[in-house]
Amino acid sequence: MSIAKFMILAGDIGGTKTLIGLFEPDMPRPRPLAVRAFATLEFGDLPSMLSIFVNDASPKGAVIESACFGVAGPIVGDTAQLTNVGWRVDARQVASAWGLKRVWLLNDLEAMACGVSVLHESEVHTLQKGEASGTGNIAVIAAGTGLGQALLHNVGGRLVPSPSEAGHADFAARTERDIALLRDLVARHGRAAVEDVVSGPGLANIHRMTHGAASCDADIDLGQADAPAAISRAALDRRCRGCVDALELFVEAYGAEAGNLALRAVATGGVYVGGGIALKILPALTSGAFMKAFRAKPPFEPMLDKIPVKVILNAEVGLLGAAVFAAAS
């Protein structure tokens, strides 16, 4: 007689890409059995995506007891509305469709924060070694389609994840270039949120400002979905002065906002930088400009100097974090 294998279904639902995985509930780090990436907008809802994944990926004898999904948007009760696309995720609908005992929804950065606690050293790149406090909080920031931020509050030695919508807070201009960008964004949109600068679309906004009326030497069409990636490549290859300036401003703004988050969270346990953009522009993040902007907050430079800052290299950390949360709940 075969013995049922109890599994966790996990997902990292983004505005552009969604990762779905099936995990064995090992502790402290669940073991992935199958992971698949989907283009989010090729599906009308999560259940239709899950039906394809589960039918294709479930091993014989597998019983899915619970599920957890990180969602790029605020969680209200058992539902979540994605911020940048028209998807609505309903935990009760998923539980009913698949006969699951429990389905959890987390903010996508909250899920990423859960994954941070089980990362190996080989899965991070250190920007600043620092001196991590064993009793300190940890902060996570990730730029992609939008900008996400989350905290891990250290409560008696236990790290408790907490979501935020801080990416929609106001952009804090620091330099003359920042002020010029702020004026441009306010003229266009009436307000400048931090993710209007520190995100993929934000890099395109910066590109408009750094080029002005001049043409782009890399001939980048800002109307294309891959424009931010094209700007980054042109900047790293130094094919266009305006693109170089745009990426420099982006990196400085990213570092400054990471430093703001470190102060808000008193993140003496460390700051982790995630998201797809960080992986693509790692040479720019390691140039020194990111950390210079991170630390430039008198009179708190001594505290910020001691905070470990690491770039997450594991592109599936949000998916892993959703599985971590489900396994521990």
C-alpha atoms as a PDB file:
ATOM      1  CA  MET A   1       0.000   0.000   0.000  1.00  0.00           C
ATOM      2  CA  SER A   2       1.434   3.373  -1.018  1.00  0.00           C
ATOM      3  CA  ILE A   3       1.836   6.080   1.597  1.00  0.00           C
ATOM      4  CA  ALA A   4       0.566   9.537   0.712  1.00  0.00           C
ATOM      5  CA  LYS A   5       3.231  12.225   0.406  1.00  0.00           C
ATOM      6  CA  PHE A   6       2.047  15.491   1.906  1.00  0.00           C
ATOM      7  CA  MET A   7       3.167  18.510  -0.085  1.00  0.00           C
ATOM      8  CA  ILE A   8       3.069  22.303   0.040  1.00  0.00           C
ATOM      9  CA  LEU A   9       1.938  24.326  -2.955  1.00  0.00           C
ATOM     10  CA  ALA A  10       3.673  27.703  -3.091  1.00  0.00           C
ATOM     11  CA  GLY A  11       3.628  30.669  -5.430  1.00  0.00           C
ATOM     12  CA  ASP A  12       5.305  34.015  -6.038  1.00  0.00           C
ATOM     13  CA  ILE A  13       2.781  36.055  -8.023  1.00  0.00           C
ATOM     14  CA  GLY A  14       4.219  39.112  -9.729  1.00  0.00           C
ATOM     15  CA  GLY A  15       2.931  41.650 -12.191  1.00  0.00           C
ATOM     16  CA  THR A  16       5.041  40.174 -14.985  1.00  0.00           C
ATOM     17  CA  LYS A  17       6.042  36.651 -13.932  1.00  0.00           C
ATOM     18  CA  THR A  18       4.595  34.070 -11.563  1.00  0.00           C
ATOM     19  CA  LEU A  19       6.527  31.162 -10.064  1.00  0.00           C
ATOM     20  CA  ILE A  20       4.614  28.114  -8.837  1.00  0.00           C
ATOM     21  CA  GLY A  21       6.303  25.321  -6.909  1.00  0.00           C
ATOM     22  CA  LEU A  22       5.573  22.069  -5.140  1.00  0.00           C
ATOM     23  CA  PHE A  23       7.613  21.458  -1.976  1.00  0.00           C
ATOM     24  CA  GLU A  24       8.248  18.764   0.578  1.00  0.00           C
ATOM     25  CA  PRO A  25       7.699  20.430   3.995  1.00  0.00           C
ATOM     26  CA  ASP A  26      11.249  19.926   5.304  1.00  0.00           C
ATOM     27  CA  MET A  27      12.326  22.254   8.129  1.00  0.00           C
ATOM     28  CA  PRO A  28      13.724  24.846   8.221  1.00  0.00           C
ATOM     29  CA  ARG A  29      14.020  24.903   4.407  1.00  0.00           C
ATOM     30  CA  PRO A  30      11.348  23.070   2.367  1.00  0.00           C
ATOM     31  CA  ARG A  31      12.700  21.042  -0.554  1.00  0.00           C
ATOM     32  CA  PRO A  32      11.391  21.899  -4.037  1.00  0.00           C
ATOM     33  CA  LEU A  33      10.124  19.016  -6.140  1.00  0.00           C
ATOM     34  CA  ALA A  34       8.912  21.017  -9.121  1.00  0.00           C
ATOM     35  CA  VAL A  35       9.040  24.704 -10.026  1.00  0.00           C
ATOM     36  CA  ARG A  36       7.603  26.385 -13.109  1.00  0.00           C
ATOM     37  CA  ALA A  37       7.484  29.989 -14.324  1.00  0.00           C
ATOM     38  CA  PHE A  38       4.400  31.474 -15.998  1.00  0.00           C
ATOM     39  CA  ALA A  39       3.683  34.792 -17.691  1.00  0.00           C
ATOM     40  CA  THR A  40       1.076  36.207 -15.314  1.00  0.00           C
ATOM     41  CA  LEU A  41      -1.128  37.930 -17.866  1.00  0.00           C
ATOM     42  CA  GLU A  42      -1.389  34.839 -20.072  1.00  0.00           C
ATOM     43  CA  PHE A  43      -3.939  33.608 -17.516  1.00  0.00           C
ATOM     44  CA  GLY A  44      -7.192  35.109 -16.350  1.00  0.00           C
ATOM     45  CA  ASP A  45      -6.774  33.996 -12.739  1.00  0.00           C
ATOM     46  CA  LEU A  46      -4.664  31.899 -10.375  1.00  0.00           C
ATOM     47  CA  PRO A  47      -6.837  28.709 -10.402  1.00  0.00           C
ATOM     48  CA  SER A  48      -6.468  28.331 -14.173  1.00  0.00           C
ATOM     49  CA  MET A  49      -2.682  28.612 -13.821  1.00  0.00           C
ATOM     50  CA  LEU A  50      -2.607  26.174 -10.918  1.00  0.00           C
ATOM     51  CA  SER A  51      -4.643  23.591 -12.807  1.00  0.00           C
ATOM     52  CA  ILE A  52      -1.962  23.367 -15.482  1.00  0.00           C
ATOM     53  CA  PHE A  53       0.891  23.245 -12.978  1.00  0.00           C
ATOM     54  CA  VAL A  54      -0.622  20.673 -10.634  1.00  0.00           C
ATOM     55  CA  ASN A  55      -1.717  18.372 -13.446  1.00  0.00           C
ATOM     56  CA  ASP A  56       1.767  18.449 -14.975  1.00  0.00           C
ATOM     57  CA  ALA A  57       3.952  18.561 -11.868  1.00  0.00           C
ATOM     58  CA  SER A  58       2.320  16.515  -9.102  1.00  0.00           C
ATOM     59  CA  PRO A  59       4.167  13.243  -8.457  1.00  0.00           C
ATOM     60  CA  LYS A  60       2.181  10.045  -8.011  1.00  0.00           C
ATOM     61  CA  GLY A  61       0.758   9.746  -4.515  1.00  0.00           C
ATOM     62  CA  ALA A  62       1.244  13.427  -3.689  1.00  0.00           C
ATOM     63  CA  VAL A  63      -1.373  15.056  -1.460  1.00  0.00           C
ATOM     64  CA  ILE A  64      -1.343  18.848  -1.319  1.00  0.00           C
ATOM     65  CA  GLU A  65      -2.506  19.846   2.149  1.00  0.00           C
ATOM     66  CA  SER A  66      -1.796  23.567   2.188  1.00  0.00           C
ATOM     67  CA  ALA A  67      -0.659  26.433   0.000  1.00  0.00           C
ATOM     68  CA  CYS A  68       0.903  29.845   0.414  1.00  0.00           C
ATOM     69  CA  PHE A  69       1.232  32.585  -2.192  1.00  0.00           C
ATOM     70  CA  GLY A  70       3.249  35.774  -2.160  1.00  0.00           C
ATOM     71  CA  VAL A  71       1.279  38.405  -4.047  1.00  0.00           C
ATOM     72  CA  ALA A  72       2.518  41.731  -5.440  1.00  0.00           C
ATOM     73  CA  GLY A  73      -0.162  43.788  -3.745  1.00  0.00           C
ATOM     74  CA  PRO A  74      -1.815  44.466  -0.377  1.00  0.00           C
ATOM     75  CA  ILE A  75      -3.578  41.613   1.425  1.00  0.00           C
ATOM     76  CA  VAL A  76      -7.066  42.345   2.785  1.00  0.00           C
ATOM     77  CA  GLY A  77      -8.522  39.419   4.672  1.00  0.00           C
ATOM     78  CA  ASP A  78      -8.340  36.375   2.391  1.00  0.00           C
ATOM     79  CA  THR A  79      -7.995  38.333  -0.842  1.00  0.00           C
ATOM     80  CA  ALA A  80      -5.346  40.333  -2.656  1.00  0.00           C
ATOM     81  CA  GLN A  81      -5.494  42.707  -5.606  1.00  0.00           C
ATOM     82  CA  LEU A  82      -2.266  42.908  -7.593  1.00  0.00           C
ATOM     83  CA  THR A  83      -1.063  46.502  -7.724  1.00  0.00           C
ATOM     84  CA  ASN A  84       0.145  46.664 -11.311  1.00  0.00           C
ATOM     85  CA  VAL A  85      -2.163  44.190 -13.096  1.00  0.00           C
ATOM     86  CA  GLY A  86      -5.856  43.375 -12.954  1.00  0.00           C
ATOM     87  CA  TRP A  87      -5.581  40.106 -11.063  1.00  0.00           C
ATOM     88  CA  ARG A  88      -7.474  39.400  -7.832  1.00  0.00           C
ATOM     89  CA  VAL A  89      -6.399  36.395  -5.761  1.00  0.00           C
ATOM     90  CA  ASP A  90      -8.909  34.771  -3.396  1.00  0.00           C
ATOM     91  CA  ALA A  91      -7.520  32.251  -0.898  1.00  0.00           C
ATOM     92  CA  ARG A  92     -10.944  30.696  -0.284  1.00  0.00           C
ATOM     93  CA  GLN A  93     -11.457  30.139  -4.005  1.00  0.00           C
ATOM     94  CA  VAL A  94      -8.126  28.321  -4.269  1.00  0.00           C
ATOM     95  CA  ALA A  95      -8.818  26.242  -1.141  1.00  0.00           C
ATOM     96  CA  SER A  96     -12.221  25.219  -2.465  1.00  0.00           C
ATOM     97  CA  ALA A  97     -10.975  24.386  -5.951  1.00  0.00           C
ATOM     98  CA  TRP A  98      -8.219  22.090  -4.693  1.00  0.00           C
ATOM     99  CA  GLY A  99      -9.681  20.837  -1.416  1.00  0.00           C
ATOM    100  CA  LEU A 100      -6.898  22.378   0.657  1.00  0.00           C
ATOM    101  CA  LYS A 101      -7.040  22.643   4.427  1.00  0.00           C
ATOM    102  CA  ARG A 102      -5.406  26.084   4.488  1.00  0.00           C
ATOM    103  CA  VAL A 103      -4.310  28.710   1.998  1.00  0.00           C
ATOM    104  CA  TRP A 104      -2.266  31.723   3.117  1.00  0.00           C
ATOM    105  CA  LEU A 105      -1.715  34.950   1.188  1.00  0.00           C
ATOM    106  CA  LEU A 106       1.338  37.093   1.894  1.00  0.00           C
ATOM    107  CA  ASN A 107       2.566  40.310   0.409  1.00  0.00           C
ATOM    108  CA  ASP A 108       5.306  39.310  -2.069  1.00  0.00           C
ATOM    109  CA  LEU A 109       8.020  41.079  -0.049  1.00  0.00           C
ATOM    110  CA  GLU A 110       6.728  39.480   3.138  1.00  0.00           C
ATOM    111  CA  ALA A 111       7.228  36.117   1.417  1.00  0.00           C
ATOM    112  CA  MET A 112      10.709  37.171   0.295  1.00  0.00           C
ATOM    113  CA  ALA A 113      11.518  38.134   3.883  1.00  0.00           C
ATOM    114  CA  CYS A 114      10.517  34.641   5.037  1.00  0.00           C
ATOM    115  CA  GLY A 115      12.950  33.193   2.505  1.00  0.00           C
ATOM    116  CA  VAL A 116      15.838  35.363   3.674  1.00  0.00           C
ATOM    117  CA  SER A 117      16.059  33.457   6.951  1.00  0.00           C
ATOM    118  CA  VAL A 118      17.040  30.183   5.202  1.00  0.00           C
ATOM    119  CA  LEU A 119      19.375  31.468   2.481  1.00  0.00           C
ATOM    120  CA  HIS A 120      22.861  29.981   2.193  1.00  0.00           C
ATOM    121  CA  GLU A 121      25.941  32.207   1.954  1.00  0.00           C
ATOM    122  CA  SER A 122      26.347  31.170  -1.682  1.00  0.00           C
ATOM    123  CA  GLU A 123      22.919  32.688  -2.407  1.00  0.00           C
ATOM    124  CA  VAL A 124      23.867  36.259  -1.475  1.00  0.00           C
ATOM    125  CA  HIS A 125      26.459  38.813  -2.598  1.00  0.00           C
ATOM    126  CA  THR A 126      27.775  41.029   0.188  1.00  0.00           C
ATOM    127  CA  LEU A 127      27.902  44.775  -0.462  1.00  0.00           C
ATOM    128  CA  GLN A 128      28.836  45.566   3.144  1.00  0.00           C
ATOM    129  CA  LYS A 129      29.936  42.940   5.643  1.00  0.00           C
ATOM    130  CA  GLY A 130      28.991  44.927   8.723  1.00  0.00           C
ATOM    131  CA  GLU A 131      28.349  43.367  12.098  1.00  0.00           C
ATOM    132  CA  ALA A 132      24.937  41.748  12.297  1.00  0.00           C
ATOM    133  CA  SER A 133      23.156  42.049  15.628  1.00  0.00           C
ATOM    134  CA  GLY A 134      21.572  38.815  16.756  1.00  0.00           C
ATOM    135  CA  THR A 135      18.756  40.797  18.369  1.00  0.00           C
ATOM    136  CA  GLY A 136      18.269  43.245  15.497  1.00  0.00           C
ATOM    137  CA  ASN A 137      15.544  43.585  12.899  1.00  0.00           C
ATOM    138  CA  ILE A 138      16.106  42.717   9.231  1.00  0.00           C
ATOM    139  CA  ALA A 139      14.818  44.699   6.254  1.00  0.00           C
ATOM    140  CA  VAL A 140      14.185  43.590   2.662  1.00  0.00           C
ATOM    141  CA  ILE A 141      13.876  45.851  -0.386  1.00  0.00           C
ATOM    142  CA  ALA A 142      13.321  44.739  -3.983  1.00  0.00           C
ATOM    143  CA  ALA A 143      12.872  46.702  -7.196  1.00  0.00           C
ATOM    144  CA  GLY A 144      11.145  45.093 -10.147  1.00  0.00           C
ATOM    145  CA  THR A 145       7.887  46.014 -11.846  1.00  0.00           C
ATOM    146  CA  GLY A 146       7.308  48.049  -8.668  1.00  0.00           C
ATOM    147  CA  LEU A 147       9.226  48.579  -5.435  1.00  0.00           C
ATOM    148  CA  GLY A 148       8.569  46.325  -2.468  1.00  0.00           C
ATOM    149  CA  GLN A 149       9.755  46.606   1.115  1.00  0.00           C
ATOM    150  CA  ALA A 150       9.232  44.371   4.138  1.00  0.00           C
ATOM    151  CA  LEU A 151      10.573  43.854   7.652  1.00  0.00           C
ATOM    152  CA  LEU A 152      11.540  40.941   9.832  1.00  0.00           C
ATOM    153  CA  HIS A 153      10.924  42.123  13.387  1.00  0.00           C
ATOM    154  CA  ASN A 154      13.125  40.406  15.928  1.00  0.00           C
ATOM    155  CA  VAL A 155      10.749  39.494  18.747  1.00  0.00           C
ATOM    156  CA  GLY A 156      12.594  37.673  21.494  1.00  0.00           C
ATOM    157  CA  GLY A 157      14.919  36.043  18.962  1.00  0.00           C
ATOM    158  CA  ARG A 158      12.106  35.059  16.599  1.00  0.00           C
ATOM    159  CA  LEU A 159      11.938  36.836  13.247  1.00  0.00           C
ATOM    160  CA  VAL A 160       8.354  37.883  12.497  1.00  0.00           C
ATOM    161  CA  PRO A 161       7.661  39.070   8.912  1.00  0.00           C
ATOM    162  CA  SER A 162       5.724  42.272   8.367  1.00  0.00           C
ATOM    163  CA  PRO A 163       4.584  43.657   4.996  1.00  0.00           C
ATOM    164  CA  SER A 164       4.446  47.259   3.845  1.00  0.00           C
ATOM    165  CA  GLU A 165       3.377  49.381   0.891  1.00  0.00           C
ATOM    166  CA  ALA A 166       6.347  51.709   1.331  1.00  0.00           C
ATOM    167  CA  GLY A 167       7.115  51.680  -2.378  1.00  0.00           C
ATOM    168  CA  HIS A 168       4.126  54.002  -2.815  1.00  0.00           C
ATOM    169  CA  ALA A 169       5.445  56.523  -0.293  1.00  0.00           C
ATOM    170  CA  ASP A 170       6.798  59.855  -1.537  1.00  0.00           C
ATOM    171  CA  PHE A 171      10.127  59.997  -3.354  1.00  0.00           C
ATOM    172  CA  ALA A 172      12.727  61.810  -1.247  1.00  0.00           C
ATOM    173  CA  ALA A 173      14.934  63.942  -3.521  1.00  0.00           C
ATOM    174  CA  ARG A 174      18.494  64.465  -2.194  1.00  0.00           C
ATOM    175  CA  THR A 175      20.545  66.015  -5.004  1.00  0.00           C
ATOM    176  CA  GLU A 176      20.073  68.586  -7.756  1.00  0.00           C
ATOM    177  CA  ARG A 177      19.566  65.741 -10.244  1.00  0.00           C
ATOM    178  CA  ASP A 178      16.960  64.206  -7.937  1.00  0.00           C
ATOM    179  CA  ILE A 179      15.179  67.553  -7.728  1.00  0.00           C
ATOM    180  CA  ALA A 180      15.110  67.859 -11.528  1.00  0.00           C
ATOM    181  CA  LEU A 181      13.653  64.339 -11.719  1.00  0.00           C
ATOM    182  CA  LEU A 182      11.112  65.151  -9.014  1.00  0.00           C
ATOM    183  CA  ARG A 183       9.931  68.209 -10.935  1.00  0.00           C
ATOM    184  CA  ASP A 184       9.604  66.174 -14.131  1.00  0.00           C
ATOM    185  CA  LEU A 185       7.585  63.436 -12.386  1.00  0.00           C
ATOM    186  CA  VAL A 186       5.286  65.905 -10.620  1.00  0.00           C
ATOM    187  CA  ALA A 187       4.671  67.683 -13.924  1.00  0.00           C
ATOM    188  CA  ARG A 188       3.784  64.374 -15.575  1.00  0.00           C
ATOM    189  CA  HIS A 189       1.885  62.616 -12.810  1.00  0.00           C
ATOM    190  CA  GLY A 190       1.050  65.189 -10.132  1.00  0.00           C
ATOM    191  CA  ARG A 191       3.048  63.232  -7.542  1.00  0.00           C
ATOM    192  CA  ALA A 192       6.279  61.276  -7.338  1.00  0.00           C
ATOM    193  CA  ALA A 193       6.248  57.986  -5.435  1.00  0.00           C
ATOM    194  CA  VAL A 194       9.526  56.289  -4.639  1.00  0.00           C
ATOM    195  CA  GLU A 195       8.669  53.426  -7.022  1.00  0.00           C
ATOM    196  CA  ASP A 196       8.272  56.000  -9.818  1.00  0.00           C
ATOM    197  CA  VAL A 197      12.069  56.172  -9.531  1.00  0.00           C
ATOM    198  CA  VAL A 198      13.247  52.868  -8.028  1.00  0.00           C
ATOM    199  CA  SER A 199      11.646  50.260 -10.290  1.00  0.00           C
ATOM    200  CA  GLY A 200      11.746  49.153 -13.919  1.00  0.00           C
ATOM    201  CA  PRO A 201       9.271  51.841 -15.011  1.00  0.00           C
ATOM    202  CA  GLY A 202      11.183  54.226 -12.726  1.00  0.00           C
ATOM    203  CA  LEU A 203      14.383  53.647 -14.700  1.00  0.00           C
ATOM    204  CA  ALA A 204      12.446  54.569 -17.843  1.00  0.00           C
ATOM    205  CA  ASN A 205      11.258  57.764 -16.104  1.00  0.00           C
ATOM    206  CA  ILE A 206      14.850  58.632 -15.244  1.00  0.00           C
ATOM    207  CA  HIS A 207      15.879  57.946 -18.846  1.00  0.00           C
ATOM    208  CA  ARG A 208      13.382  60.568 -20.061  1.00  0.00           C
ATOM    209  CA  MET A 209      14.885  63.136 -17.733  1.00  0.00           C
ATOM    210  CA  THR A 210      18.555  62.408 -18.446  1.00  0.00           C
ATOM    211  CA  HIS A 211      18.000  62.536 -22.203  1.00  0.00           C
ATOM    212  CA  GLY A 212      15.602  65.479 -22.335  1.00  0.00           C
ATOM    213  CA  ALA A 213      15.182  66.462 -25.972  1.00  0.00           C
ATOM    214  CA  ALA A 214      18.333  64.592 -27.019  1.00  0.00           C
ATOM    215  CA  SER A 215      18.161  61.260 -28.803  1.00  0.00           C
ATOM    216  CA  CYS A 216      19.293  58.040 -27.162  1.00  0.00           C
ATOM    217  CA  ASP A 217      22.530  56.687 -28.650  1.00  0.00           C
ATOM    218  CA  ALA A 218      21.285  53.178 -27.852  1.00  0.00           C
ATOM    219  CA  ASP A 219      18.023  53.888 -29.737  1.00  0.00           C
ATOM    220  CA  ILE A 220      15.835  52.657 -26.880  1.00  0.00           C
ATOM    221  CA  ASP A 221      12.066  52.768 -27.325  1.00  0.00           C
ATOM    222  CA  LEU A 222      10.566  53.540 -23.907  1.00  0.00           C
ATOM    223  CA  GLY A 223       7.231  52.164 -25.094  1.00  0.00           C
ATOM    224  CA  GLN A 224       8.634  48.634 -25.189  1.00  0.00           C
ATOM    225  CA  ALA A 225       8.230  46.313 -22.198  1.00  0.00           C
ATOM    226  CA  ASP A 226      11.952  45.523 -22.159  1.00  0.00           C
ATOM    227  CA  ALA A 227      13.016  49.199 -22.137  1.00  0.00           C
ATOM    228  CA  PRO A 228      14.387  49.134 -18.533  1.00  0.00           C
ATOM    229  CA  ALA A 229      16.549  46.100 -19.295  1.00  0.00           C
ATOM    230  CA  ALA A 230      17.733  47.745 -22.521  1.00  0.00           C
ATOM    231  CA  ILE A 231      18.676  50.924 -20.616  1.00  0.00           C
ATOM    232  CA  SER A 232      20.647  48.876 -18.087  1.00  0.00           C
ATOM    233  CA  ARG A 233      22.520  46.987 -20.800  1.00  0.00           C
ATOM    234  CA  ALA A 234      23.334  50.181 -22.693  1.00  0.00           C
ATOM    235  CA  ALA A 235      24.580  51.783 -19.487  1.00  0.00           C
ATOM    236  CA  LEU A 236      26.721  48.831 -18.410  1.00  0.00           C
ATOM    237  CA  ASP A 237      28.195  48.633 -21.929  1.00  0.00           C
ATOM    238  CA  ARG A 238      28.621  52.447 -21.871  1.00  0.00           C
ATOM    239  CA  ARG A 239      26.960  52.780 -25.277  1.00  0.00           C
ATOM    240  CA  CYS A 240      24.961  55.884 -24.342  1.00  0.00           C
ATOM    241  CA  ARG A 241      25.953  58.689 -21.968  1.00  0.00           C
ATOM    242  CA  GLY A 242      22.328  59.423 -21.107  1.00  0.00           C
ATOM    243  CA  CYS A 243      21.739  55.760 -20.207  1.00  0.00           C
ATOM    244  CA  VAL A 244      24.878  55.757 -18.045  1.00  0.00           C
ATOM    245  CA  ASP A 245      23.574  58.823 -16.204  1.00  0.00           C
ATOM    246  CA  ALA A 246      20.143  57.206 -15.813  1.00  0.00           C
ATOM    247  CA  LEU A 247      21.550  54.036 -14.262  1.00  0.00           C
ATOM    248  CA  GLU A 248      23.842  56.033 -11.965  1.00  0.00           C
ATOM    249  CA  LEU A 249      20.914  58.085 -10.675  1.00  0.00           C
ATOM    250  CA  PHE A 250      18.829  54.910 -10.299  1.00  0.00           C
ATOM    251  CA  VAL A 251      21.539  53.140  -8.252  1.00  0.00           C
ATOM    252  CA  GLU A 252      22.015  56.165  -5.995  1.00  0.00           C
ATOM    253  CA  ALA A 253      18.251  56.471  -5.425  1.00  0.00           C
ATOM    254  CA  TYR A 254      18.037  52.725  -4.736  1.00  0.00           C
ATOM    255  CA  GLY A 255      20.854  52.923  -2.173  1.00  0.00           C
ATOM    256  CA  ALA A 256      19.350  55.997  -0.530  1.00  0.00           C
ATOM    257  CA  GLU A 257      15.952  54.318  -0.176  1.00  0.00           C
ATOM    258  CA  ALA A 258      17.569  51.157   1.206  1.00  0.00           C
ATOM    259  CA  GLY A 259      19.263  53.376   3.798  1.00  0.00           C
ATOM    260  CA  ASN A 260      15.930  55.030   4.603  1.00  0.00           C
ATOM    261  CA  LEU A 261      14.432  51.587   5.173  1.00  0.00           C
ATOM    262  CA  ALA A 262      17.362  50.602   7.391  1.00  0.00           C
ATOM    263  CA  LEU A 263      16.696  53.647   9.572  1.00  0.00           C
ATOM    264  CA  ARG A 264      12.928  53.117   9.713  1.00  0.00           C
ATOM    265  CA  ALA A 265      13.374  49.466  10.685  1.00  0.00           C
ATOM    266  CA  VAL A 266      16.506  49.939  12.817  1.00  0.00           C
ATOM    267  CA  ALA A 267      17.706  47.003  10.719  1.00  0.00           C
ATOM    268  CA  THR A 268      20.835  46.162  12.677  1.00  0.00           C
ATOM    269  CA  GLY A 269      20.347  42.511  11.693  1.00  0.00           C
ATOM    270  CA  GLY A 270      20.919  43.359   8.034  1.00  0.00           C
ATOM    271  CA  VAL A 271      19.390  44.692   4.834  1.00  0.00           C
ATOM    272  CA  TYR A 272      18.727  42.382   1.899  1.00  0.00           C
ATOM    273  CA  VAL A 273      18.319  43.660  -1.665  1.00  0.00           C
ATOM    274  CA  GLY A 274      16.171  41.393  -3.846  1.00  0.00           C
ATOM    275  CA  GLY A 275      14.258  41.549  -7.093  1.00  0.00           C
ATOM    276  CA  GLY A 276      15.163  40.881 -10.695  1.00  0.00           C
ATOM    277  CA  ILE A 277      16.744  44.269 -11.350  1.00  0.00           C
ATOM    278  CA  ALA A 278      19.430  43.807  -8.700  1.00  0.00           C
ATOM    279  CA  LEU A 279      20.677  40.637 -10.394  1.00  0.00           C
ATOM    280  CA  LYS A 280      20.832  42.334 -13.794  1.00  0.00           C
ATOM    281  CA  ILE A 281      22.728  45.414 -12.592  1.00  0.00           C
ATOM    282  CA  LEU A 282      24.972  43.784  -9.985  1.00  0.00           C
ATOM    283  CA  PRO A 283      28.139  45.416 -11.439  1.00  0.00           C
ATOM    284  CA  ALA A 284      26.525  48.837 -10.927  1.00  0.00           C
ATOM    285  CA  LEU A 285      25.426  47.961  -7.379  1.00  0.00           C
ATOM    286  CA  THR A 286      28.990  46.976  -6.490  1.00  0.00           C
ATOM    287  CA  SER A 287      30.546  50.177  -7.893  1.00  0.00           C
ATOM    288  CA  GLY A 288      30.274  51.951  -4.526  1.00  0.00           C
ATOM    289  CA  ALA A 289      27.528  54.450  -5.393  1.00  0.00           C
ATOM    290  CA  PHE A 290      24.769  52.321  -3.826  1.00  0.00           C
ATOM    291  CA  MET A 291      26.534  52.008  -0.481  1.00  0.00           C
ATOM    292  CA  LYS A 292      27.661  55.648  -0.475  1.00  0.00           C
ATOM    293  CA  ALA A 293      24.041  56.767  -0.790  1.00  0.00           C
ATOM    294  CA  PHE A 294      22.971  54.108   1.763  1.00  0.00           C
ATOM    295  CA  ARG A 295      25.336  55.495   4.414  1.00  0.00           C
ATOM    296  CA  ALA A 296      25.024  59.231   3.697  1.00  0.00           C
ATOM    297  CA  LYS A 297      22.557  59.976   6.508  1.00  0.00           C
ATOM    298  CA  PRO A 298      24.259  62.061   9.220  1.00  0.00           C
ATOM    299  CA  PRO A 299      24.377  61.647  12.133  1.00  0.00           C
ATOM    300  CA  PHE A 300      23.641  57.933  11.648  1.00  0.00           C
ATOM    301  CA  GLU A 301      26.604  56.913   9.473  1.00  0.00           C
ATOM    302  CA  PRO A 302      28.229  54.934  12.334  1.00  0.00           C
ATOM    303  CA  MET A 303      25.111  52.775  12.733  1.00  0.00           C
ATOM    304  CA  LEU A 304      24.650  52.337   8.980  1.00  0.00           C
ATOM    305  CA  ASP A 305      28.336  51.405   8.594  1.00  0.00           C
ATOM    306  CA  LYS A 306      27.724  48.363  10.802  1.00  0.00           C
ATOM    307  CA  ILE A 307      24.604  47.054   9.023  1.00  0.00           C
ATOM    308  CA  PRO A 308      25.274  44.066   6.753  1.00  0.00           C
ATOM    309  CA  VAL A 309      23.938  44.716   3.231  1.00  0.00           C
ATOM    310  CA  LYS A 310      23.521  41.781   0.873  1.00  0.00           C
ATOM    311  CA  VAL A 311      22.109  41.254  -2.614  1.00  0.00           C
ATOM    312  CA  ILE A 312      19.950  38.135  -2.931  1.00  0.00           C
ATOM    313  CA  LEU A 313      21.236  35.947  -5.765  1.00  0.00           C
ATOM    314  CA  ASN A 314      18.524  33.281  -5.485  1.00  0.00           C
ATOM    315  CA  ALA A 315      15.886  34.431  -7.991  1.00  0.00           C
ATOM    316  CA  GLU A 316      13.306  32.121  -6.378  1.00  0.00           C
ATOM    317  CA  VAL A 317      13.604  33.445  -2.818  1.00  0.00           C
ATOM    318  CA  GLY A 318       9.992  34.707  -2.778  1.00  0.00           C
ATOM    319  CA  LEU A 319       8.712  31.284  -3.778  1.00  0.00           C
ATOM    320  CA  LEU A 320      10.942  29.642  -1.195  1.00  0.00           C
ATOM    321  CA  GLY A 321       9.723  32.078   1.449  1.00  0.00           C
ATOM    322  CA  ALA A 322       6.079  31.223   0.752  1.00  0.00           C
ATOM    323  CA  ALA A 323       6.933  27.542   1.274  1.00  0.00           C
ATOM    324  CA  VAL A 324       8.866  28.391   4.461  1.00  0.00           C
ATOM    325  CA  PHE A 325       5.833  30.221   5.866  1.00  0.00           C
ATOM    326  CA  ALA A 326       3.441  27.361   5.049  1.00  0.00           C
ATOM    327  CA  ALA A 327       5.764  24.722   6.501  1.00  0.00           C
ATOM    328  CA  ALA A 328       6.129  26.659   9.772  1.00  0.00           C
ATOM    329  CA  SER A 329       2.427  27.527  10.151  1.00  0.00           C
END
